[in-house]
C-alpha cells in the first residue's frame, strides 16, 4: 500500500509538472493561433479583392481584349480642348521668354 501511494505521488508530481509547462506554453500557442487567424482573414480579403478587382500589371496591354471604339466628341468640345492646349503652349512660350530675358 505504501508503495502504491508512493507511485501515485510520483505520478501526481509528474502530472503537476506537465500542467505547469502547459500553462506556460498555452498563451504562446494561443497568440500564434490568433496570428494565424488574422493572416487567414487578410489573405481571404486579398483573394476576395482580387476576384472583384483582379490585380493586373499596369504595363500589360491585352491585345485579345475588346477593341475600344473612340467616343464621338461634339465639335464644340474639340474646339474647347484645342483652345486649352493652345493656351498652355502660349503660357509655356511666355515662361520661356521670361527665362531668356532674365539671363
N, C-alpha and C. Protein backbone atom coordinates (compact mmCIF):
# COMPACT_ATOMS: atom_id res chain seq x y z
N UNK A 1 0.81 -1.19 0.00
CA UNK A 1 0.00 0.00 0.00
C UNK A 1 0.86 1.26 0.00
N UNK A 2 1.91 1.21 0.81
CA UNK A 2 2.82 2.33 0.87
C UNK A 2 3.49 2.57 -0.48
N UNK A 3 3.82 1.48 -1.13
CA UNK A 3 4.48 1.59 -2.43
C UNK A 3 3.52 2.17 -3.47
N UNK A 4 2.28 1.78 -3.44
CA UNK A 4 1.31 2.31 -4.41
C UNK A 4 1.05 3.81 -4.16
N UNK A 5 1.06 4.22 -2.86
CA UNK A 5 0.93 5.65 -2.55
C UNK A 5 2.13 6.43 -3.08
N UNK A 6 3.27 5.84 -2.92
CA UNK A 6 4.49 6.48 -3.42
C UNK A 6 4.45 6.62 -4.95
N UNK A 7 4.00 5.59 -5.62
CA UNK A 7 3.87 5.63 -7.09
C UNK A 7 2.85 6.67 -7.50
N UNK A 8 1.74 6.73 -6.79
CA UNK A 8 0.70 7.72 -7.09
C UNK A 8 1.21 9.15 -6.86
N UNK A 9 1.96 9.35 -5.80
CA UNK A 9 2.53 10.67 -5.53
C UNK A 9 3.50 11.07 -6.63
N UNK A 10 4.31 10.11 -7.06
CA UNK A 10 5.27 10.38 -8.15
C UNK A 10 4.53 10.76 -9.42
N UNK A 11 3.48 10.01 -9.74
CA UNK A 11 2.69 10.32 -10.94
C UNK A 11 2.00 11.68 -10.80
N UNK A 12 1.50 11.97 -9.61
CA UNK A 12 0.84 13.25 -9.37
C UNK A 12 1.84 14.40 -9.54
N UNK A 13 3.05 14.21 -9.05
CA UNK A 13 4.09 15.22 -9.19
C UNK A 13 4.43 15.42 -10.67
N UNK A 14 4.55 14.33 -11.41
CA UNK A 14 4.84 14.42 -12.85
C UNK A 14 3.72 15.15 -13.59
N UNK A 15 2.49 14.80 -13.24
CA UNK A 15 1.34 15.46 -13.88
C UNK A 15 1.30 16.95 -13.55
N UNK A 16 1.63 17.30 -12.31
CA UNK A 16 1.66 18.70 -11.91
C UNK A 16 2.73 19.47 -12.70
N UNK A 17 3.89 18.84 -12.89
CA UNK A 17 4.96 19.45 -13.67
C UNK A 17 4.53 19.67 -15.12
N UNK A 18 3.88 18.66 -15.68
CA UNK A 18 3.38 18.78 -17.07
C UNK A 18 2.34 19.89 -17.15
N UNK A 19 1.46 19.97 -16.17
CA UNK A 19 0.42 21.01 -16.15
C UNK A 19 1.06 22.40 -16.14
N UNK A 20 2.08 22.60 -15.33
CA UNK A 20 2.75 23.91 -15.24
C UNK A 20 3.41 24.27 -16.57
N UNK A 21 4.04 23.28 -17.20
CA UNK A 21 4.66 23.53 -18.50
C UNK A 21 3.61 23.92 -19.54
N UNK A 22 2.48 23.21 -19.52
CA UNK A 22 1.41 23.52 -20.47
C UNK A 22 0.82 24.91 -20.22
N UNK A 23 0.71 25.29 -18.96
CA UNK A 23 0.20 26.62 -18.64
C UNK A 23 1.13 27.72 -19.12
N UNK A 24 2.42 27.44 -19.17
CA UNK A 24 3.38 28.42 -19.70
C UNK A 24 3.32 28.50 -21.22
N UNK A 25 3.09 27.35 -21.85
CA UNK A 25 3.12 27.28 -23.32
C UNK A 25 1.78 27.71 -23.93
N UNK A 26 0.69 27.52 -23.21
CA UNK A 26 -0.64 27.79 -23.73
C UNK A 26 -0.81 29.22 -24.25
N UNK A 27 -0.38 30.27 -23.54
CA UNK A 27 -0.54 31.63 -24.08
C UNK A 27 0.23 31.83 -25.38
N UNK A 28 1.39 31.23 -25.49
CA UNK A 28 2.18 31.35 -26.72
C UNK A 28 1.45 30.68 -27.88
N UNK A 29 0.90 29.52 -27.62
CA UNK A 29 0.15 28.80 -28.66
C UNK A 29 -1.10 29.59 -29.04
N UNK A 30 -1.78 30.15 -28.06
CA UNK A 30 -2.99 30.94 -28.33
C UNK A 30 -2.65 32.17 -29.16
N UNK A 31 -1.56 32.83 -28.84
CA UNK A 31 -1.13 34.01 -29.62
C UNK A 31 -0.80 33.64 -31.05
N UNK A 32 -0.11 32.52 -31.23
CA UNK A 32 0.22 32.06 -32.59
C UNK A 32 -1.04 31.71 -33.36
N UNK A 33 -1.99 31.10 -32.70
CA UNK A 33 -3.26 30.75 -33.35
C UNK A 33 -4.01 32.01 -33.77
N UNK A 34 -4.06 33.00 -32.89
CA UNK A 34 -4.71 34.27 -33.24
C UNK A 34 -4.01 34.93 -34.41
N UNK A 35 -2.70 34.91 -34.41
CA UNK A 35 -1.94 35.50 -35.51
C UNK A 35 -2.25 34.80 -36.83
N UNK A 36 -2.35 33.48 -36.77
CA UNK A 36 -2.69 32.72 -37.99
C UNK A 36 -4.10 33.04 -38.47
N UNK A 37 -5.02 33.23 -37.55
CA UNK A 37 -6.38 33.58 -37.93
C UNK A 37 -6.42 34.95 -38.60
N UNK A 38 -5.67 35.90 -38.05
CA UNK A 38 -5.60 37.23 -38.65
C UNK A 38 -5.00 37.14 -40.06
N UNK A 39 -3.94 36.38 -40.20
CA UNK A 39 -3.30 36.21 -41.51
C UNK A 39 -4.27 35.56 -42.49
N UNK A 40 -5.02 34.58 -42.03
CA UNK A 40 -6.00 33.91 -42.89
C UNK A 40 -7.07 34.89 -43.36
N UNK A 41 -7.57 35.72 -42.45
CA UNK A 41 -8.56 36.73 -42.84
C UNK A 41 -7.99 37.73 -43.83
N UNK A 42 -6.74 38.11 -43.61
CA UNK A 42 -6.09 39.05 -44.52
C UNK A 42 -5.97 38.44 -45.92
N UNK A 43 -5.54 37.18 -45.98
CA UNK A 43 -5.41 36.52 -47.28
C UNK A 43 -6.76 36.34 -47.96
N UNK A 44 -7.79 36.02 -47.17
CA UNK A 44 -9.13 35.88 -47.75
C UNK A 44 -9.62 37.21 -48.31
N UNK A 45 -9.33 38.30 -47.59
CA UNK A 45 -9.77 39.61 -48.09
C UNK A 45 -9.02 39.98 -49.37
N UNK A 46 -7.74 39.64 -49.44
CA UNK A 46 -6.99 39.89 -50.67
C UNK A 46 -7.53 39.04 -51.81
N UNK A 47 -7.87 37.80 -51.51
CA UNK A 47 -8.43 36.91 -52.54
C UNK A 47 -9.76 37.46 -53.02
N UNK A 48 -10.59 37.92 -52.09
CA UNK A 48 -11.88 38.49 -52.45
C UNK A 48 -11.67 39.76 -53.26
N UNK A 49 -10.72 40.56 -52.87
CA UNK A 49 -10.44 41.80 -53.59
C UNK A 49 -9.96 41.48 -55.00
N UNK A 50 -9.14 40.45 -55.15
CA UNK A 50 -8.63 40.09 -56.47
C UNK A 50 -9.72 39.50 -57.35
N UNK A 51 -10.73 38.86 -56.76
CA UNK A 51 -11.81 38.35 -57.60
C UNK A 51 -12.73 39.48 -58.03
N UNK A 52 -12.87 40.49 -57.16
CA UNK A 52 -13.71 41.63 -57.53
C UNK A 52 -12.95 42.54 -58.50
N UNK A 53 -11.75 42.90 -58.13
CA UNK A 53 -10.90 43.75 -58.97
C UNK A 53 -9.59 43.00 -59.16
N UNK A 54 -9.46 42.23 -60.24
CA UNK A 54 -8.23 41.46 -60.40
C UNK A 54 -7.01 42.38 -60.54
N UNK A 55 -5.97 42.02 -59.80
CA UNK A 55 -4.73 42.78 -59.88
C UNK A 55 -4.10 42.49 -61.23
N UNK A 56 -3.73 43.55 -61.92
CA UNK A 56 -3.11 43.34 -63.22
C UNK A 56 -1.94 44.29 -63.38
N UNK A 57 -1.07 43.89 -64.22
CA UNK A 57 0.13 44.68 -64.49
C UNK A 57 -0.28 45.92 -65.26
N UNK A 58 0.03 47.13 -64.76
CA UNK A 58 -0.38 48.34 -65.46
C UNK A 58 0.30 48.48 -66.82
N UNK A 59 1.40 47.78 -67.03
CA UNK A 59 2.09 47.87 -68.32
C UNK A 59 1.60 46.84 -69.32
N UNK A 60 0.74 45.91 -68.86
CA UNK A 60 0.24 44.86 -69.74
C UNK A 60 -0.85 45.41 -70.64
N UNK A 61 -0.74 45.15 -71.92
CA UNK A 61 -1.75 45.55 -72.90
C UNK A 61 -2.39 44.27 -73.41
N UNK A 62 -3.70 44.16 -73.23
CA UNK A 62 -4.43 42.98 -73.67
C UNK A 62 -4.80 43.15 -75.13
N UNK A 63 -4.06 42.49 -76.00
CA UNK A 63 -4.32 42.62 -77.43
C UNK A 63 -5.50 41.77 -77.88
N UNK A 64 -5.89 40.80 -77.05
CA UNK A 64 -7.01 39.93 -77.41
C UNK A 64 -8.33 40.46 -76.87
N UNK A 65 -8.29 41.49 -76.07
CA UNK A 65 -9.50 42.01 -75.44
C UNK A 65 -10.35 42.78 -76.43
N UNK A 66 -11.48 43.28 -75.96
CA UNK A 66 -12.37 44.04 -76.85
C UNK A 66 -11.69 45.32 -77.32
N UNK A 67 -11.96 45.66 -78.53
CA UNK A 67 -11.37 46.87 -79.12
C UNK A 67 -12.19 48.07 -78.68
N UNK A 68 -11.51 49.05 -78.14
CA UNK A 68 -12.19 50.25 -77.67
C UNK A 68 -12.53 51.12 -78.87
N UNK A 69 -13.77 51.50 -78.96
CA UNK A 69 -14.21 52.39 -80.02
C UNK A 69 -14.05 53.83 -79.53
N UNK A 70 -13.58 54.71 -80.40
CA UNK A 70 -13.45 56.10 -79.98
C UNK A 70 -14.83 56.68 -79.67
N UNK A 71 -14.88 57.48 -78.63
CA UNK A 71 -16.13 58.11 -78.24
C UNK A 71 -16.27 59.38 -79.06
N UNK A 72 -17.40 59.53 -79.73
CA UNK A 72 -17.57 60.75 -80.53
C UNK A 72 -17.63 61.97 -79.61
N UNK A 73 -16.86 62.98 -79.98
CA UNK A 73 -16.80 64.21 -79.20
C UNK A 73 -17.46 65.30 -80.01
N UNK A 74 -18.38 66.02 -79.40
CA UNK A 74 -19.02 67.12 -80.15
C UNK A 74 -17.97 68.15 -80.57
N UNK A 75 -18.25 68.81 -81.65
CA UNK A 75 -17.30 69.77 -82.23
C UNK A 75 -16.93 70.88 -81.24
N UNK A 76 -17.91 71.33 -80.45
CA UNK A 76 -17.61 72.41 -79.50
C UNK A 76 -16.62 71.94 -78.43
N UNK A 77 -16.72 70.67 -77.99
CA UNK A 77 -15.77 70.13 -77.02
C UNK A 77 -14.36 70.08 -77.61
N UNK A 78 -14.27 69.66 -78.87
CA UNK A 78 -12.97 69.59 -79.54
C UNK A 78 -12.34 70.97 -79.63
N UNK A 79 -13.15 71.96 -79.97
CA UNK A 79 -12.64 73.33 -80.08
C UNK A 79 -12.18 73.82 -78.71
N UNK A 80 -12.97 73.55 -77.66
CA UNK A 80 -12.57 73.97 -76.31
C UNK A 80 -11.25 73.32 -75.90
N UNK A 81 -11.10 72.03 -76.18
CA UNK A 81 -9.85 71.34 -75.83
C UNK A 81 -8.68 71.93 -76.61
N UNK A 82 -8.90 72.24 -77.87
CA UNK A 82 -7.83 72.81 -78.68
C UNK A 82 -7.44 74.18 -78.14
N UNK A 83 -8.43 74.98 -77.73
CA UNK A 83 -8.14 76.30 -77.17
C UNK A 83 -7.34 76.16 -75.88
N UNK A 84 -7.68 75.18 -75.04
CA UNK A 84 -6.93 74.96 -73.80
C UNK A 84 -5.50 74.54 -74.09
N UNK A 85 -5.31 73.67 -75.09
CA UNK A 85 -3.96 73.24 -75.44
C UNK A 85 -3.16 74.41 -76.01
N UNK A 86 -3.81 75.23 -76.84
CA UNK A 86 -3.12 76.40 -77.38
C UNK A 86 -2.73 77.36 -76.27
N UNK A 87 -3.61 77.53 -75.28
CA UNK A 87 -3.33 78.42 -74.16
C UNK A 87 -2.14 77.91 -73.35
N UNK A 88 -2.09 76.57 -73.12
CA UNK A 88 -0.97 76.04 -72.33
C UNK A 88 0.34 76.19 -73.10
N UNK A 89 0.31 76.02 -74.42
CA UNK A 89 1.52 76.21 -75.22
C UNK A 89 1.95 77.67 -75.16
N UNK A 90 0.98 78.58 -75.24
CA UNK A 90 1.28 80.00 -75.17
C UNK A 90 1.90 80.36 -73.82
N UNK A 91 1.36 79.79 -72.73
CA UNK A 91 1.89 80.07 -71.40
C UNK A 91 3.32 79.54 -71.27
N UNK A 92 3.60 78.39 -71.87
CA UNK A 92 4.95 77.85 -71.82
C UNK A 92 5.91 78.75 -72.60
N UNK A 93 5.44 79.28 -73.72
CA UNK A 93 6.29 80.19 -74.51
C UNK A 93 6.57 81.47 -73.73
N UNK A 94 5.55 81.99 -73.05
CA UNK A 94 5.75 83.19 -72.24
C UNK A 94 6.78 82.93 -71.14
N UNK A 95 6.66 81.77 -70.50
CA UNK A 95 7.60 81.42 -69.43
C UNK A 95 9.01 81.31 -70.01
N UNK A 96 9.14 80.72 -71.18
CA UNK A 96 10.44 80.57 -71.83
C UNK A 96 11.02 81.93 -72.16
N UNK A 97 10.17 82.84 -72.66
CA UNK A 97 10.63 84.21 -72.99
C UNK A 97 11.10 84.92 -71.71
N UNK A 98 10.39 84.74 -70.61
CA UNK A 98 10.80 85.39 -69.36
C UNK A 98 12.12 84.86 -68.87
N UNK A 99 12.36 83.56 -69.05
CA UNK A 99 13.63 82.99 -68.61
C UNK A 99 14.78 83.52 -69.46
N UNK A 100 14.55 83.70 -70.74
CA UNK A 100 15.60 84.24 -71.61
C UNK A 100 15.89 85.69 -71.22
N UNK A 101 14.83 86.48 -70.95
CA UNK A 101 15.01 87.88 -70.58
C UNK A 101 15.75 88.02 -69.26
N UNK A 102 15.57 87.10 -68.34
CA UNK A 102 16.23 87.21 -67.05
C UNK A 102 17.71 86.89 -67.13
N UNK A 103 18.11 86.19 -68.19
CA UNK A 103 19.55 85.86 -68.34
C UNK A 103 20.27 87.07 -68.79
